[in-house]
Amino acid sequence: MSAGNPMLHEALRAVAGQAETLTTAGPLSIAFYHWVLTEGLSTQQSAAMARDLCEEIAGGGRSIHAVAALGFLLSIDPTLSDACRESFAQGADWLMGRRGDSQTALVSLMQPLAHTGVLVGLLATSDDVRWPKFGAWFASLYAKLQPLLPAEVGWRHELLSMIKTRSEVGLNGELAVVPATAGAAIYVARRLADASPAVDNDFASQLLSRIKSVVYDDPEQAALDLGAFHYLAQGAAQIDLRAPSLDDVGLLLRRLPSGLRRWTWDEQKKTPNSTAQKWAVENEYHFQNLLCAVLAPVLPDLRDEEWLASVGQKKPRADLVVPSLHLVIEVKYWRKSSTPQDLISQIGEDVSLYLKRGSPYRKVLPIIWDQGRRTEQYDLLIAGLSEIRDVVSPVVIAQPAFMV
C-alpha cells in the first residue's frame, strides 16, 4: 500500500489539504492534527499554547476542549513543565466530576476527540491514580450514550469505542487490536496499542476508497484516514537493515526530511561551555557527507568518490556507490540560480557515463538537495528523471525552512 500511483498521490494531497484546515481552528483541533499525523510542532509554539490552556483551565471558563488539547500537547512535547502536568491533572479531576445527567448534557459531554486527548494526556503523564477513575467514569457515560448512537458506525463512534477499550486496560497494560478501523490503526501507530497478528484486508480497500473519493464531511476524519494510510503504507515497506534492497535505499532516502527535524541550528548556545552552531548544508560536499552518515551504517560496502572507467578522455567519478546493489547514488545540490532543465541534463549525462558498456553498475539513484525549496516543481522533475533509462527512485530534499 503506497502513494506511488499518480491518481492516489493527488487524492492524498487533496485529503491532506482538508486535514490541514484543522490547523486554523481552535487549540484542540491544532493539537489533535499534530498528534495524529506526527507533524512537527515547535517547542516555542507548544509552550505558548500550553500556557494559554493552563490559564484557561485555572480560570472559570475552563472547558473539556482545553483539558484535551493540553493532553495532546503533553504527548507531543515531553519537555513541557511540571506546571502543565499539574494543570492537566486538575482539569481531568474537574472533568470527571461532570455527570451528564440529561440527554443534552450527555451528548455535549461525550466528545470523541476531546476524550481521546484526555486519555492520551493520562498516558503521557503516567497518571496511575486518575487512570482507573477515568476508565470507570467514561464507561458509565458510554453505557448511557450507546442507545443514542446512530446505527451507522462513523469515525466518532470508532474513537469512543477505542477510548473505552483502552481505558479498560491498566495504564501500563498491553492491548492488542486489529487495525480494522482508522481509529484502531491510529492507536497502533501512536503506540496506544499493539497490532494483533490478525489482518483485515477489507479495511485497507475501504480506506483507499474513501481517500480516492477525496470529499470528507469532517477534517478530523480526513486526518484520521491520512494517519491510518501512513501507518499501513509504512507497515508494508519496512527496511531490512540486515540486507537492504534497492527499494530499501530509496525508502530510507525519502524519509531523510523527517530526520532533519532536530538538525542543529542554534540561535544561541545550548550549554555554558559550547558555542552556537549552525550546521549549514552549503554545497554538494556537505550533502554527500550527510548522506554518508545516514547510509554507511546500513550499507557496509558504501564507497564515496569512486573513479570509474574512462570514456575516451573523460574520467567519470561517482559520488556514492553500493557495489552489492550495482547502484550509483548521484548527489546533486540544486542552487537557487539553477533550473530543473539544467539538473535533468546533468543527471542524464552522468547516467550515460556511469553505466557505459562493461560498467559494474546497472542503476542510478539521483538525490537532490533543493536550496530554493521549489516544491511545486518536484512532481514534474521526478517524473522526468524517472523517464531516463536505468534511473530509479529519484529523491528531492527541500532545504529546511530554518536554514537561512
Protein backbone atom coordinates (compact mmCIF):
# COMPACT_ATOMS: atom_id res chain seq x y z
CA MET A 1 0.00 0.00 0.00
CA SER A 2 1.85 3.11 -1.22
CA ALA A 3 1.30 6.52 -2.79
CA GLY A 4 3.23 5.62 -5.96
CA ASN A 5 0.08 5.74 -8.10
CA PRO A 6 -0.26 9.30 -9.54
CA MET A 7 -4.05 9.39 -9.02
CA LEU A 8 -3.70 8.19 -5.44
CA HIS A 9 -0.93 10.71 -4.88
CA GLU A 10 -3.22 13.55 -5.99
CA ALA A 11 -6.06 12.20 -3.82
CA LEU A 12 -3.75 12.09 -0.79
CA ARG A 13 -2.73 15.70 -1.41
CA ALA A 14 -6.38 16.74 -1.54
CA VAL A 15 -7.17 14.85 1.68
CA ALA A 16 -4.11 16.38 3.35
CA GLY A 17 -5.38 19.82 2.37
CA GLN A 18 -8.69 19.13 4.07
CA ALA A 19 -6.95 17.84 7.19
CA GLU A 20 -4.77 20.98 7.31
CA THR A 21 -7.85 23.13 7.88
CA LEU A 22 -7.64 21.87 11.48
CA THR A 23 -4.51 23.99 11.94
CA THR A 24 -6.56 27.18 11.58
CA ALA A 25 -9.21 26.08 14.09
CA GLY A 26 -9.08 26.05 17.91
CA PRO A 27 -6.31 24.63 20.14
CA LEU A 28 -7.92 21.17 20.37
CA SER A 29 -8.06 20.81 16.58
CA ILE A 30 -4.49 22.07 16.20
CA ALA A 31 -3.13 19.74 18.89
CA PHE A 32 -5.07 16.76 17.50
CA TYR A 33 -3.76 17.41 13.97
CA HIS A 34 -0.14 17.46 15.13
CA TRP A 35 -0.62 14.39 17.31
CA VAL A 36 -2.49 12.19 14.84
CA LEU A 37 -0.17 12.97 11.90
CA THR A 38 3.03 13.44 13.96
CA GLU A 39 3.51 16.78 12.23
CA GLY A 40 6.27 18.85 13.79
CA LEU A 41 5.18 21.43 16.36
CA SER A 42 7.95 23.76 17.52
CA THR A 43 8.85 23.86 21.19
CA GLN A 44 8.01 27.56 21.26
CA GLN A 45 4.56 27.02 19.76
CA SER A 46 3.67 24.10 22.04
CA ALA A 47 4.88 26.02 25.12
CA ALA A 48 2.84 29.09 24.19
CA MET A 49 -0.28 27.02 23.55
CA ALA A 50 0.22 25.13 26.81
CA ARG A 51 0.50 28.39 28.80
CA ASP A 52 -2.78 29.68 27.39
CA LEU A 53 -4.51 26.34 28.07
CA CYS A 54 -3.25 26.23 31.66
CA GLU A 55 -4.65 29.71 32.25
CA GLU A 56 -7.99 28.65 30.78
CA ILE A 57 -8.15 25.52 32.95
CA ALA A 58 -7.30 27.53 36.07
CA GLY A 59 -10.00 30.13 35.28
CA GLY A 60 -13.77 29.98 35.47
CA GLY A 61 -14.18 29.42 31.72
CA ARG A 62 -12.39 26.06 31.60
CA SER A 63 -13.63 23.51 29.09
CA ILE A 64 -13.19 19.91 28.07
CA HIS A 65 -11.51 21.21 24.90
CA ALA A 66 -8.75 22.94 26.88
CA VAL A 67 -8.07 19.85 29.01
CA ALA A 68 -7.97 17.61 25.93
CA ALA A 69 -5.73 19.96 23.92
CA LEU A 70 -3.27 20.09 26.82
CA GLY A 71 -3.37 16.26 26.95
CA PHE A 72 -2.34 16.04 23.29
CA LEU A 73 0.42 18.62 23.82
CA LEU A 74 1.86 16.67 26.77
CA SER A 75 2.16 13.66 24.46
CA ILE A 76 3.66 15.70 21.61
CA ASP A 77 6.16 17.65 23.72
CA PRO A 78 7.58 15.80 26.77
CA THR A 79 9.58 18.93 27.69
CA LEU A 80 6.50 20.82 28.88
CA SER A 81 6.80 21.92 32.51
CA ASP A 82 5.53 20.16 35.61
CA ALA A 83 3.10 23.05 36.00
CA CYS A 84 1.44 21.95 32.73
CA ARG A 85 1.13 18.40 34.08
CA GLU A 86 -0.43 19.66 37.29
CA SER A 87 -2.83 21.85 35.36
CA PHE A 88 -3.85 18.90 33.18
CA ALA A 89 -4.44 16.78 36.29
CA GLN A 90 -6.65 19.50 37.77
CA GLY A 91 -8.58 19.70 34.51
CA ALA A 92 -9.05 15.91 34.45
CA ASP A 93 -10.39 15.99 38.03
CA TRP A 94 -12.84 18.75 37.10
CA LEU A 95 -13.95 16.84 34.01
CA MET A 96 -14.55 13.58 35.89
CA GLY A 97 -16.82 15.50 38.25
CA ARG A 98 -19.30 16.07 35.44
CA ARG A 99 -22.17 13.54 35.19
CA GLY A 100 -24.13 14.22 32.01
CA ASP A 101 -27.46 13.74 33.81
CA SER A 102 -29.66 14.92 30.94
CA GLN A 103 -29.55 13.63 27.36
CA THR A 104 -28.41 17.02 26.08
CA ALA A 105 -25.66 17.25 28.69
CA LEU A 106 -24.55 13.69 27.95
CA VAL A 107 -24.26 14.26 24.19
CA SER A 108 -22.40 17.53 24.82
CA LEU A 109 -20.01 15.82 27.22
CA MET A 110 -19.20 12.72 25.15
CA GLN A 111 -16.96 14.30 22.54
CA PRO A 112 -14.69 11.63 20.99
CA LEU A 113 -11.87 13.98 20.00
CA ALA A 114 -11.76 15.55 23.44
CA HIS A 115 -11.82 12.28 25.36
CA THR A 116 -9.05 10.95 23.12
CA GLY A 117 -6.94 13.92 24.21
CA VAL A 118 -7.70 13.25 27.88
CA LEU A 119 -6.76 9.57 27.52
CA VAL A 120 -3.57 10.48 25.66
CA GLY A 121 -2.66 13.01 28.34
CA LEU A 122 -3.16 10.50 31.17
CA LEU A 123 -0.89 8.05 29.35
CA ALA A 124 1.72 10.75 28.65
CA THR A 125 1.82 11.76 32.34
CA SER A 126 1.69 8.13 33.56
CA ASP A 127 -1.09 9.11 35.98
CA ASP A 128 -1.85 5.76 37.63
CA VAL A 129 -4.10 7.48 40.20
CA ARG A 130 -6.53 9.07 37.74
CA TRP A 131 -6.35 6.34 35.08
CA PRO A 132 -8.73 3.84 36.75
CA LYS A 133 -11.05 6.69 37.78
CA PHE A 134 -11.21 7.90 34.19
CA GLY A 135 -11.93 4.36 32.94
CA ALA A 136 -14.83 3.83 35.33
CA TRP A 137 -16.24 7.32 34.74
CA PHE A 138 -16.04 7.04 30.94
CA ALA A 139 -17.56 3.53 30.92
CA SER A 140 -20.61 4.73 32.88
CA LEU A 141 -21.20 7.60 30.45
CA TYR A 142 -20.61 5.37 27.42
CA ALA A 143 -23.24 2.91 28.67
CA LYS A 144 -25.77 5.77 28.86
CA LEU A 145 -24.78 7.05 25.42
CA GLN A 146 -24.94 3.75 23.49
CA PRO A 147 -28.73 3.76 22.96
CA LEU A 148 -28.41 7.24 21.45
CA LEU A 149 -25.67 6.35 18.95
CA PRO A 150 -26.67 6.04 15.28
CA ALA A 151 -26.81 2.59 13.71
CA GLU A 152 -24.16 3.58 11.18
CA VAL A 153 -20.70 3.43 12.75
CA GLY A 154 -18.71 6.57 11.87
CA TRP A 155 -15.35 7.89 12.98
CA ARG A 156 -16.81 9.39 16.17
CA HIS A 157 -18.27 6.05 17.27
CA GLU A 158 -14.98 4.32 16.40
CA LEU A 159 -12.99 6.72 18.60
CA LEU A 160 -15.41 6.37 21.52
CA SER A 161 -15.17 2.59 21.26
CA MET A 162 -11.35 2.73 21.21
CA ILE A 163 -11.30 5.01 24.28
CA LYS A 164 -13.48 2.55 26.19
CA THR A 165 -11.38 -0.44 25.09
CA ARG A 166 -8.05 1.21 26.02
CA SER A 167 -9.30 2.64 29.32
CA GLU A 168 -10.40 -0.83 30.45
CA VAL A 169 -6.76 -1.98 30.33
CA GLY A 170 -4.29 -0.91 33.04
CA LEU A 171 -2.19 2.18 32.45
CA ASN A 172 0.81 0.01 31.55
CA GLY A 173 -1.27 -2.93 30.38
CA GLU A 174 -0.93 -4.42 26.91
CA LEU A 175 -3.76 -4.13 24.41
CA ALA A 176 -3.67 -5.86 21.02
CA VAL A 177 -6.12 -4.64 18.37
CA VAL A 178 -6.78 -5.50 14.75
CA PRO A 179 -6.21 -2.31 12.68
CA ALA A 180 -9.67 -2.70 11.14
CA THR A 181 -10.68 0.96 11.51
CA ALA A 182 -8.87 4.25 11.16
CA GLY A 183 -9.15 4.75 14.92
CA ALA A 184 -7.60 1.35 15.68
CA ALA A 185 -4.80 1.94 13.16
CA ILE A 186 -4.02 5.30 14.80
CA TYR A 187 -3.91 3.67 18.25
CA VAL A 188 -1.31 1.21 16.96
CA ALA A 189 0.63 3.90 15.09
CA ARG A 190 0.73 6.16 18.16
CA ARG A 191 1.66 3.20 20.40
CA LEU A 192 -1.51 3.26 22.45
CA ALA A 193 -1.99 -0.38 21.47
CA ASP A 194 -0.16 -3.23 19.75
CA ALA A 195 -1.18 -4.65 16.40
CA SER A 196 -2.87 -8.04 16.56
CA PRO A 197 -1.42 -10.71 14.24
CA ALA A 198 -4.85 -10.90 12.58
CA VAL A 199 -5.37 -8.74 9.49
CA ASP A 200 -8.38 -7.07 7.93
CA ASN A 201 -7.88 -6.66 4.19
CA ASP A 202 -11.33 -5.12 3.79
CA PHE A 203 -10.26 -2.11 5.85
CA ALA A 204 -7.36 -1.27 3.50
CA SER A 205 -9.67 -1.31 0.47
CA GLN A 206 -12.32 0.74 2.29
CA LEU A 207 -9.71 3.26 3.37
CA LEU A 208 -8.40 3.63 -0.19
CA SER A 209 -11.94 4.07 -1.50
CA ARG A 210 -12.62 6.88 0.98
CA ILE A 211 -9.32 8.60 0.17
CA LYS A 212 -9.88 8.35 -3.59
CA SER A 213 -13.36 9.84 -3.19
CA VAL A 214 -11.49 12.88 -1.77
CA VAL A 215 -14.54 14.61 -0.24
CA TYR A 216 -14.79 14.46 3.56
CA ASP A 217 -17.56 15.90 5.71
CA ASP A 218 -15.15 16.42 8.62
CA PRO A 219 -11.47 17.41 8.54
CA GLU A 220 -10.98 15.20 11.62
CA GLN A 221 -11.89 12.12 9.60
CA ALA A 222 -9.56 13.27 6.81
CA ALA A 223 -6.72 13.48 9.34
CA LEU A 224 -7.57 10.06 10.82
CA ASP A 225 -7.67 8.41 7.39
CA LEU A 226 -4.41 10.08 6.36
CA GLY A 227 -2.71 8.87 9.55
CA ALA A 228 -4.10 5.36 9.04
CA PHE A 229 -2.86 5.33 5.43
CA HIS A 230 0.64 6.37 6.53
CA TYR A 231 0.66 3.60 9.12
CA LEU A 232 -0.42 0.92 6.63
CA ALA A 233 1.99 2.20 3.97
CA GLN A 234 4.95 2.15 6.36
CA GLY A 235 3.99 -1.27 7.64
CA ALA A 236 4.10 -2.57 4.10
CA ALA A 237 7.52 -1.06 3.47
CA GLN A 238 9.80 -1.87 6.39
CA ILE A 239 13.52 -1.62 5.74
CA ASP A 240 15.54 -4.80 6.17
CA LEU A 241 18.62 -3.48 7.97
CA ARG A 242 20.48 -6.79 7.64
CA ALA A 243 20.25 -6.91 3.85
CA PRO A 244 18.86 -3.63 2.44
CA SER A 245 17.48 -3.85 -1.08
CA LEU A 246 17.47 -1.21 -3.80
CA ASP A 247 13.92 -0.27 -2.76
CA ASP A 248 15.06 -0.01 0.87
CA VAL A 249 17.71 2.56 -0.08
CA GLY A 250 15.11 4.65 -1.88
CA LEU A 251 12.72 4.40 1.08
CA LEU A 252 15.43 5.41 3.55
CA LEU A 253 16.44 8.45 1.49
CA ARG A 254 12.83 9.57 1.03
CA ARG A 255 12.50 9.55 4.83
CA LEU A 256 15.53 11.84 5.23
CA PRO A 257 13.47 15.06 5.75
CA SER A 258 11.91 13.61 8.92
CA GLY A 259 15.42 13.18 10.36
CA LEU A 260 16.24 16.85 9.82
CA ARG A 261 13.62 17.93 12.37
CA ARG A 262 16.28 18.06 15.12
CA TRP A 263 19.11 19.28 12.88
CA THR A 264 21.45 21.63 14.74
CA TRP A 265 20.68 25.27 14.00
CA ASP A 266 21.30 27.25 17.19
CA GLU A 267 20.19 30.82 17.65
CA GLN A 268 22.16 30.84 20.90
CA LYS A 269 24.49 28.44 22.67
CA LYS A 270 22.83 25.49 24.38
CA THR A 271 25.29 24.93 27.25
CA PRO A 272 27.73 27.22 29.13
CA ASN A 273 30.78 25.52 27.59
CA SER A 274 29.61 25.39 23.98
CA THR A 275 29.14 27.82 21.11
CA ALA A 276 26.05 28.34 18.98
CA GLN A 277 26.28 26.05 15.96
CA LYS A 278 24.58 26.19 12.58
CA TRP A 279 25.22 23.04 10.55
CA ALA A 280 24.74 24.58 7.15
CA VAL A 281 24.47 22.44 4.01
CA GLU A 282 26.03 24.84 1.51
CA ASN A 283 27.26 22.61 -1.28
CA GLU A 284 27.28 19.13 -2.76
CA TYR A 285 30.14 18.01 -0.49
CA HIS A 286 28.19 18.87 2.65
CA PHE A 287 25.15 16.98 1.36
CA GLN A 288 27.30 13.99 0.40
CA ASN A 289 28.77 13.89 3.93
CA LEU A 290 25.25 13.89 5.40
CA LEU A 291 24.25 11.01 3.12
CA CYS A 292 27.35 9.02 4.12
CA ALA A 293 26.40 9.41 7.78
CA VAL A 294 22.89 8.10 7.03
CA LEU A 295 23.78 5.26 4.65
CA ALA A 296 27.13 3.88 5.86
CA PRO A 297 25.68 2.21 8.99
CA VAL A 298 23.23 0.14 6.90
CA LEU A 299 25.30 -0.30 3.71
CA PRO A 300 28.71 -1.73 4.73
CA ASP A 301 30.07 -1.61 1.18
CA LEU A 302 29.13 2.03 0.55
CA ARG A 303 32.01 3.86 -1.13
CA ASP A 304 32.36 7.55 -1.96
CA GLU A 305 34.21 9.47 -4.69
CA GLU A 306 34.61 6.31 -6.78
CA TRP A 307 36.60 6.72 -10.00
CA LEU A 308 35.06 4.72 -12.84
CA ALA A 309 36.49 3.50 -16.12
CA SER A 310 37.37 6.24 -18.60
CA VAL A 311 35.12 7.13 -21.53
CA GLY A 312 37.66 8.40 -24.05
CA GLN A 313 39.34 11.39 -22.47
CA LYS A 314 36.59 11.64 -19.82
CA LYS A 315 37.27 10.13 -16.39
CA PRO A 316 33.93 9.98 -14.53
CA ARG A 317 33.75 9.95 -10.76
CA ALA A 318 30.63 8.71 -8.96
CA ASP A 319 29.57 10.42 -5.76
CA LEU A 320 28.45 7.28 -3.88
CA VAL A 321 28.33 3.65 -4.99
CA VAL A 322 26.95 0.45 -3.48
CA PRO A 323 28.66 -2.44 -5.35
CA SER A 324 26.44 -5.16 -3.81
CA LEU A 325 23.38 -3.46 -5.31
CA HIS A 326 25.18 -2.41 -8.54
CA LEU A 327 23.99 1.09 -7.65
CA VAL A 328 25.35 4.59 -8.15
CA ILE A 329 23.87 7.31 -5.93
CA GLU A 330 24.21 10.60 -7.77
CA VAL A 331 24.28 13.57 -5.37
CA LYS A 332 23.20 16.98 -6.62
CA TYR A 333 22.97 20.41 -4.97
CA TRP A 334 20.23 22.35 -6.78
CA ARG A 335 21.10 26.00 -6.30
CA LYS A 336 18.52 28.78 -6.49
CA SER A 337 20.12 30.06 -9.69
CA SER A 338 19.86 26.71 -11.50
CA THR A 339 16.84 25.47 -13.48
CA PRO A 340 15.28 21.99 -13.46
CA GLN A 341 16.28 21.69 -17.13
CA ASP A 342 19.96 22.11 -16.14
CA LEU A 343 19.57 19.45 -13.47
CA ILE A 344 17.95 16.92 -15.81
CA SER A 345 20.67 17.49 -18.43
CA GLN A 346 23.46 16.98 -15.89
CA ILE A 347 21.96 13.78 -14.50
CA GLY A 348 21.22 12.41 -17.98
CA GLU A 349 24.88 12.93 -18.99
CA ASP A 350 26.17 11.39 -15.74
CA VAL A 351 23.99 8.28 -16.18
CA SER A 352 25.38 7.64 -19.67
CA LEU A 353 28.93 7.84 -18.28
CA TYR A 354 28.38 5.70 -15.18
CA LEU A 355 26.52 2.91 -16.98
CA LYS A 356 28.65 2.60 -20.09
CA ARG A 357 29.16 -0.83 -21.60
CA GLY A 358 31.14 -3.04 -19.20
CA SER A 359 30.34 -0.96 -16.08
CA PRO A 360 29.74 -2.98 -12.88
CA TYR A 361 26.81 -0.66 -12.12
CA ARG A 362 23.28 -1.01 -13.50
CA LYS A 363 21.15 1.66 -11.81
CA VAL A 364 21.49 5.31 -10.80
CA LEU A 365 19.53 6.85 -7.93
CA PRO A 366 19.64 10.66 -8.06
CA ILE A 367 19.19 12.52 -4.77
CA ILE A 368 18.89 16.30 -4.93
CA TRP A 369 19.19 18.97 -2.23
CA ASP A 370 16.96 21.87 -3.28
CA GLN A 371 18.34 25.11 -1.89
CA GLY A 372 15.35 27.04 -3.28
CA ARG A 373 12.62 24.77 -1.81
CA ARG A 374 10.75 24.72 -5.16
CA THR A 375 8.30 22.05 -4.04
CA GLU A 376 5.83 22.86 -6.81
CA GLN A 377 8.44 21.61 -9.33
CA TYR A 378 9.11 18.23 -7.72
CA ASP A 379 6.40 16.09 -9.32
CA LEU A 380 7.37 17.07 -12.85
CA LEU A 381 11.10 16.85 -12.11
CA ILE A 382 10.83 13.37 -10.58
CA ALA A 383 8.59 12.20 -13.45
CA GLY A 384 11.15 13.49 -15.96
CA LEU A 385 14.14 11.88 -14.26
CA SER A 386 12.23 8.58 -14.00
CA GLU A 387 11.96 8.52 -17.80
CA ILE A 388 15.75 8.35 -18.15
CA ARG A 389 16.77 4.74 -18.69
CA ASP A 390 18.12 2.97 -15.57
CA VAL A 391 17.30 5.87 -13.24
CA VAL A 392 15.45 4.62 -10.14
CA SER A 393 13.63 6.29 -7.22
CA PRO A 394 14.71 9.94 -7.71
CA VAL A 395 14.57 11.85 -4.41
CA VAL A 396 14.36 15.62 -3.88
CA ILE A 397 15.01 17.07 -0.41
CA ALA A 398 13.81 20.61 0.23
CA GLN A 399 16.27 22.62 2.32
CA PRO A 400 14.65 23.08 5.75
CA ALA A 401 12.96 26.44 6.25
CA PHE A 402 15.13 27.24 9.28
CA MET A 403 18.32 27.10 7.19
CA VAL A 404 18.53 30.77 6.29
